[in-house]
PDB file of N, CA and C in Angstrom:
ATOM      1  N   MET A   1       4.227   2.789 -20.599  1.00  0.00           N
ATOM      2  CA  MET A   1       5.346   2.644 -21.499  1.00  0.00           C
ATOM      3  C   MET A   1       6.405   3.716 -21.244  1.00  0.00           C
ATOM      4  N   LEU A   2       5.968   4.971 -21.059  1.00  0.00           N
ATOM      5  CA  LEU A   2       6.939   6.032 -20.783  1.00  0.00           C
ATOM      6  C   LEU A   2       7.659   5.789 -19.463  1.00  0.00           C
ATOM      7  N   ALA A   3       6.924   5.289 -18.483  1.00  0.00           N
ATOM      8  CA  ALA A   3       7.548   5.010 -17.191  1.00  0.00           C
ATOM      9  C   ALA A   3       8.664   3.986 -17.344  1.00  0.00           C
ATOM     10  N   ARG A   4       8.437   2.971 -18.156  1.00  0.00           N
ATOM     11  CA  ARG A   4       9.476   1.952 -18.382  1.00  0.00           C
ATOM     12  C   ARG A   4      10.649   2.520 -19.157  1.00  0.00           C
ATOM     13  N   ILE A   5      10.352   3.319 -20.177  1.00  0.00           N
ATOM     14  CA  ILE A   5      11.417   3.871 -21.011  1.00  0.00           C
ATOM     15  C   ILE A   5      12.353   4.756 -20.187  1.00  0.00           C
ATOM     16  N   TYR A   6      11.765   5.620 -19.349  1.00  0.00           N
ATOM     17  CA  TYR A   6      12.572   6.576 -18.589  1.00  0.00           C
ATOM     18  C   TYR A   6      12.892   6.121 -17.176  1.00  0.00           C
ATOM     19  N   GLY A   7      12.437   4.930 -16.785  1.00  0.00           N
ATOM     20  CA  GLY A   7      12.748   4.399 -15.469  1.00  0.00           C
ATOM     21  C   GLY A   7      12.140   5.207 -14.331  1.00  0.00           C
ATOM     22  N   MET A   8      10.930   5.720 -14.576  1.00  0.00           N
ATOM     23  CA  MET A   8      10.245   6.552 -13.572  1.00  0.00           C
ATOM     24  C   MET A   8       9.108   5.757 -12.948  1.00  0.00           C
ATOM     25  N   PRO A   9       8.713   6.102 -11.737  1.00  0.00           N
ATOM     26  CA  PRO A   9       7.507   5.501 -11.166  1.00  0.00           C
ATOM     27  C   PRO A   9       6.277   5.909 -11.992  1.00  0.00           C
ATOM     28  N   ILE A  10       5.310   5.015 -12.097  1.00  0.00           N
ATOM     29  CA  ILE A  10       4.122   5.275 -12.912  1.00  0.00           C
ATOM     30  C   ILE A  10       3.355   6.493 -12.396  1.00  0.00           C
ATOM     31  N   SER A  11       3.258   6.648 -11.087  1.00  0.00           N
ATOM     32  CA  SER A  11       2.504   7.780 -10.540  1.00  0.00           C
ATOM     33  C   SER A  11       3.140   9.116 -10.936  1.00  0.00           C
ATOM     34  N   ASP A  12       4.462   9.204 -10.929  1.00  0.00           N
ATOM     35  CA  ASP A  12       5.139  10.433 -11.349  1.00  0.00           C
ATOM     36  C   ASP A  12       4.912  10.700 -12.826  1.00  0.00           C
ATOM     37  N   THR A  13       4.915   9.643 -13.628  1.00  0.00           N
ATOM     38  CA  THR A  13       4.680   9.796 -15.056  1.00  0.00           C
ATOM     39  C   THR A  13       3.292  10.349 -15.317  1.00  0.00           C
ATOM     40  N   TRP A  14       2.276   9.802 -14.633  1.00  0.00           N
ATOM     41  CA  TRP A  14       0.908  10.296 -14.800  1.00  0.00           C
ATOM     42  C   TRP A  14       0.790  11.745 -14.380  1.00  0.00           C
ATOM     43  N   LYS A  15       1.430  12.117 -13.291  1.00  0.00           N
ATOM     44  CA  LYS A  15       1.378  13.507 -12.829  1.00  0.00           C
ATOM     45  C   LYS A  15       1.941  14.445 -13.889  1.00  0.00           C
ATOM     46  N   ARG A  16       3.051  14.053 -14.485  1.00  0.00           N
ATOM     47  CA  ARG A  16       3.676  14.900 -15.509  1.00  0.00           C
ATOM     48  C   ARG A  16       2.820  14.987 -16.759  1.00  0.00           C
ATOM     49  N   ILE A  17       2.226  13.872 -17.175  1.00  0.00           N
ATOM     50  CA  ILE A  17       1.376  13.882 -18.366  1.00  0.00           C
ATOM     51  C   ILE A  17       0.150  14.757 -18.125  1.00  0.00           C
ATOM     52  N   HIS A  18      -0.476  14.617 -16.964  1.00  0.00           N
ATOM     53  CA  HIS A  18      -1.656  15.437 -16.665  1.00  0.00           C
ATOM     54  C   HIS A  18      -1.288  16.912 -16.548  1.00  0.00           C
ATOM     55  N   PHE A  19      -0.102  17.202 -16.053  1.00  0.00           N
ATOM     56  CA  PHE A  19       0.369  18.582 -15.991  1.00  0.00           C
ATOM     57  C   PHE A  19       0.487  19.155 -17.408  1.00  0.00           C
ATOM     58  N   LEU A  20       1.078  18.385 -18.315  1.00  0.00           N
ATOM     59  CA  LEU A  20       1.217  18.833 -19.700  1.00  0.00           C
ATOM     60  C   LEU A  20      -0.145  18.981 -20.378  1.00  0.00           C
ATOM     61  N   GLU A  21      -1.092  18.095 -20.035  1.00  0.00           N
ATOM     62  CA  GLU A  21      -2.449  18.228 -20.558  1.00  0.00           C
ATOM     63  C   GLU A  21      -3.079  19.530 -20.080  1.00  0.00           C
ATOM     64  N   GLY A  22      -2.892  19.850 -18.820  1.00  0.00           N
ATOM     65  CA  GLY A  22      -3.435  21.077 -18.261  1.00  0.00           C
ATOM     66  C   GLY A  22      -2.884  22.320 -18.936  1.00  0.00           C
ATOM     67  N   LEU A  23      -1.638  22.250 -19.374  1.00  0.00           N
ATOM     68  CA  LEU A  23      -1.031  23.379 -20.081  1.00  0.00           C
ATOM     69  C   LEU A  23      -1.455  23.425 -21.548  1.00  0.00           C
ATOM     70  N   GLY A  24      -2.101  22.364 -22.017  1.00  0.00           N
ATOM     71  CA  GLY A  24      -2.513  22.312 -23.413  1.00  0.00           C
ATOM     72  C   GLY A  24      -1.403  21.879 -24.356  1.00  0.00           C
ATOM     73  N   LEU A  25      -0.334  21.299 -23.810  1.00  0.00           N
ATOM     74  CA  LEU A  25       0.791  20.880 -24.644  1.00  0.00           C
ATOM     75  C   LEU A  25       0.582  19.507 -25.268  1.00  0.00           C
ATOM     76  N   VAL A  26      -0.190  18.644 -24.614  1.00  0.00           N
ATOM     77  CA  VAL A  26      -0.531  17.329 -25.166  1.00  0.00           C
ATOM     78  C   VAL A  26      -2.018  17.084 -24.962  1.00  0.00           C
ATOM     79  N   ARG A  27      -2.577  16.202 -25.783  1.00  0.00           N
ATOM     80  CA  ARG A  27      -3.983  15.835 -25.629  1.00  0.00           C
ATOM     81  C   ARG A  27      -4.166  14.380 -26.039  1.00  0.00           C
ATOM     82  N   VAL A  28      -5.184  13.754 -25.463  1.00  0.00           N
ATOM     83  CA  VAL A  28      -5.481  12.369 -25.787  1.00  0.00           C
ATOM     84  C   VAL A  28      -6.166  12.336 -27.152  1.00  0.00           C
ATOM     85  N   VAL A  29      -5.645  11.531 -28.071  1.00  0.00           N
ATOM     86  CA  VAL A  29      -6.264  11.407 -29.385  1.00  0.00           C
ATOM     87  C   VAL A  29      -6.934  10.053 -29.567  1.00  0.00           C
ATOM     88  N   LEU A  30      -6.592   9.074 -28.730  1.00  0.00           N
ATOM     89  CA  LEU A  30      -7.183   7.752 -28.840  1.00  0.00           C
ATOM     90  C   LEU A  30      -7.098   7.041 -27.490  1.00  0.00           C
ATOM     91  N   THR A  31      -8.197   6.442 -27.085  1.00  0.00           N
ATOM     92  CA  THR A  31      -8.225   5.580 -25.903  1.00  0.00           C
ATOM     93  C   THR A  31      -8.552   4.183 -26.391  1.00  0.00           C
ATOM     94  N   PHE A  32      -7.693   3.233 -26.087  1.00  0.00           N
ATOM     95  CA  PHE A  32      -7.823   1.872 -26.611  1.00  0.00           C
ATOM     96  C   PHE A  32      -7.899   0.898 -25.443  1.00  0.00           C
ATOM     97  N   ILE A  33      -8.875   0.000 -25.473  1.00  0.00           N
ATOM     98  CA  ILE A  33      -8.980  -1.045 -24.452  1.00  0.00           C
ATOM     99  C   ILE A  33      -8.496  -2.346 -25.078  1.00  0.00           C
ATOM    100  N   ALA A  34      -7.407  -2.869 -24.544  1.00  0.00           N
ATOM    101  CA  ALA A  34      -6.804  -4.088 -25.082  1.00  0.00           C
ATOM    102  C   ALA A  34      -7.583  -5.322 -24.632  1.00  0.00           C
ATOM    103  N   ARG A  35      -7.290  -6.449 -25.234  1.00  0.00           N
ATOM    104  CA  ARG A  35      -7.976  -7.705 -24.892  1.00  0.00           C
ATOM    105  C   ARG A  35      -7.771  -8.117 -23.443  1.00  0.00           C
ATOM    106  N   ASP A  36      -6.622  -7.765 -22.895  1.00  0.00           N
ATOM    107  CA  ASP A  36      -6.345  -8.124 -21.505  1.00  0.00           C
ATOM    108  C   ASP A  36      -6.833  -7.045 -20.532  1.00  0.00           C
ATOM    109  N   ALA A  37      -7.766  -6.203 -20.971  1.00  0.00           N
ATOM    110  CA  ALA A  37      -8.437  -5.168 -20.175  1.00  0.00           C
ATOM    111  C   ALA A  37      -7.533  -4.004 -19.778  1.00  0.00           C
ATOM    112  N   ARG A  38      -6.376  -3.874 -20.433  1.00  0.00           N
ATOM    113  CA  ARG A  38      -5.535  -2.698 -20.202  1.00  0.00           C
ATOM    114  C   ARG A  38      -6.106  -1.528 -20.990  1.00  0.00           C
ATOM    115  N   VAL A  39      -6.064  -0.361 -20.423  1.00  0.00           N
ATOM    116  CA  VAL A  39      -6.504   0.847 -21.113  1.00  0.00           C
ATOM    117  C   VAL A  39      -5.259   1.601 -21.561  1.00  0.00           C
ATOM    118  N   LEU A  40      -5.155   1.840 -22.864  1.00  0.00           N
ATOM    119  CA  LEU A  40      -4.004   2.542 -23.418  1.00  0.00           C
ATOM    120  C   LEU A  40      -4.456   3.895 -23.942  1.00  0.00           C
ATOM    121  N   TYR A  41      -3.702   4.937 -23.601  1.00  0.00           N
ATOM    122  CA  TYR A  41      -3.996   6.284 -24.077  1.00  0.00           C
ATOM    123  C   TYR A  41      -2.905   6.697 -25.049  1.00  0.00           C
ATOM    124  N   PHE A  42      -3.305   7.255 -26.165  1.00  0.00           N
ATOM    125  CA  PHE A  42      -2.363   7.749 -27.152  1.00  0.00           C
ATOM    126  C   PHE A  42      -2.471   9.271 -27.180  1.00  0.00           C
ATOM    127  N   TYR A  43      -1.338   9.922 -27.061  1.00  0.00           N
ATOM    128  CA  TYR A  43      -1.289  11.371 -26.959  1.00  0.00           C
ATOM    129  C   TYR A  43      -0.679  11.984 -28.207  1.00  0.00           C
ATOM    130  N   GLN A  44      -1.051  13.236 -28.434  1.00  0.00           N
ATOM    131  CA  GLN A  44      -0.475  14.007 -29.531  1.00  0.00           C
ATOM    132  C   GLN A  44      -0.126  15.376 -28.969  1.00  0.00           C
ATOM    133  N   THR A  45       0.926  15.954 -29.500  1.00  0.00           N
ATOM    134  CA  THR A  45       1.291  17.283 -29.044  1.00  0.00           C
ATOM    135  C   THR A  45       0.271  18.289 -29.540  1.00  0.00           C
ATOM    136  N   GLY A  46       0.120  19.359 -28.784  1.00  0.00           N
ATOM    137  CA  GLY A  46      -0.821  20.411 -29.145  1.00  0.00           C
ATOM    138  C   GLY A  46      -0.187  21.385 -30.124  1.00  0.00           C
ATOM    139  N   GLU A  47      -0.571  22.634 -29.980  1.00  0.00           N
ATOM    140  CA  GLU A  47      -0.034  23.677 -30.841  1.00  0.00           C
ATOM    141  C   GLU A  47       1.432  23.932 -30.510  1.00  0.00           C
ATOM    142  N   PRO A  48       2.189  24.470 -31.456  1.00  0.00           N
ATOM    143  CA  PRO A  48       3.595  24.782 -31.172  1.00  0.00           C
ATOM    144  C   PRO A  48       3.699  25.805 -30.045  1.00  0.00           C
ATOM    145  N   VAL A  49       4.709  25.665 -29.215  1.00  0.00           N
ATOM    146  CA  VAL A  49       4.921  26.591 -28.101  1.00  0.00           C
ATOM    147  C   VAL A  49       6.378  27.018 -28.075  1.00  0.00           C
ATOM    148  N   THR A  50       6.602  28.131 -27.430  1.00  0.00           N
ATOM    149  CA  THR A  50       7.950  28.618 -27.185  1.00  0.00           C
ATOM    150  C   THR A  50       8.240  28.439 -25.701  1.00  0.00           C
ATOM    151  N   VAL A  51       9.355  27.846 -25.387  1.00  0.00           N
ATOM    152  CA  VAL A  51       9.749  27.675 -23.983  1.00  0.00           C
ATOM    153  C   VAL A  51      10.611  28.869 -23.605  1.00  0.00           C
ATOM    154  N   VAL A  52      10.198  29.566 -22.558  1.00  0.00           N
ATOM    155  CA  VAL A  52      10.912  30.750 -22.108  1.00  0.00           C
ATOM    156  C   VAL A  52      11.526  30.446 -20.750  1.00  0.00           C
ATOM    157  N   ALA A  53      12.847  30.500 -20.679  1.00  0.00           N
ATOM    158  CA  ALA A  53      13.553  30.269 -19.417  1.00  0.00           C
ATOM    159  C   ALA A  53      14.365  31.517 -19.105  1.00  0.00           C
ATOM    160  N   GLU A  54      14.079  32.124 -17.985  1.00  0.00           N
ATOM    161  CA  GLU A  54      14.786  33.340 -17.595  1.00  0.00           C
ATOM    162  C   GLU A  54      15.820  33.011 -16.531  1.00  0.00           C
ATOM    163  N   ASP A  55      16.489  34.036 -16.036  1.00  0.00           N
ATOM    164  CA  ASP A  55      17.498  33.839 -14.990  1.00  0.00           C
ATOM    165  C   ASP A  55      16.878  33.322 -13.701  1.00  0.00           C
ATOM    166  N   ALA A  56      15.615  33.666 -13.468  1.00  0.00           N
ATOM    167  CA  ALA A  56      14.924  33.180 -12.277  1.00  0.00           C
ATOM    168  C   ALA A  56      14.697  31.677 -12.430  1.00  0.00           C
ATOM    169  N   PRO A  57      14.531  30.966 -11.329  1.00  0.00           N
ATOM    170  CA  PRO A  57      14.344  29.514 -11.412  1.00  0.00           C
ATOM    171  C   PRO A  57      12.923  29.109 -11.829  1.00  0.00           C
ATOM    172  N   SER A  58      12.407  29.745 -12.877  1.00  0.00           N
ATOM    173  CA  SER A  58      11.080  29.391 -13.359  1.00  0.00           C
ATOM    174  C   SER A  58      11.099  29.289 -14.874  1.00  0.00           C
ATOM    175  N   VAL A  59      10.256  28.449 -15.372  1.00  0.00           N
ATOM    176  CA  VAL A  59      10.099  28.253 -16.809  1.00  0.00           C
ATOM    177  C   VAL A  59       8.631  28.338 -17.116  1.00  0.00           C
ATOM    178  N   TYR A  60       8.255  29.020 -18.161  1.00  0.00           N
ATOM    179  CA  TYR A  60       6.859  29.041 -18.561  1.00  0.00           C
ATOM    180  C   TYR A  60       6.758  28.887 -20.064  1.00  0.00           C
ATOM    181  N   PHE A  61       5.572  28.555 -20.530  1.00  0.00           N
ATOM    182  CA  PHE A  61       5.339  28.259 -21.929  1.00  0.00           C
ATOM    183  C   PHE A  61       4.461  29.336 -22.539  1.00  0.00           C
ATOM    184  N   GLN A  62       4.797  29.747 -23.745  1.00  0.00           N
ATOM    185  CA  GLN A  62       3.995  30.705 -24.481  1.00  0.00           C
ATOM    186  C   GLN A  62       3.519  30.062 -25.764  1.00  0.00           C
ATOM    187  N   PRO A  63       2.225  30.130 -26.073  1.00  0.00           N
ATOM    188  CA  PRO A  63       1.762  29.637 -27.371  1.00  0.00           C
ATOM    189  C   PRO A  63       2.372  30.461 -28.486  1.00  0.00           C
ATOM    190  N   VAL A  64       2.732  29.837 -29.571  1.00  0.00           N
ATOM    191  CA  VAL A  64       3.269  30.536 -30.719  1.00  0.00           C
ATOM    192  C   VAL A  64       2.102  31.099 -31.513  1.00  0.00           C
ATOM    193  N   ALA A  65       2.124  32.378 -31.751  1.00  0.00           N
ATOM    194  CA  ALA A  65       1.015  33.025 -32.473  1.00  0.00           C
ATOM    195  C   ALA A  65       1.268  33.084 -33.954  1.00  0.00           C
TER     196      ALA A  65
END
């Protein structure tokens, strides 16, 4: 669904979602198998984070304490 909404290839969308999962920013809250054998994953955001962007070309995330 996200791939269709943003016009991205499905493989790129999965890579980005798994990257966010690895950072702990999103997590799977429900896995649903539809009648037509499609597997749907429902995600929820994790804990609040602060996005820190410096002058360098890097961005990192800090958990809000």
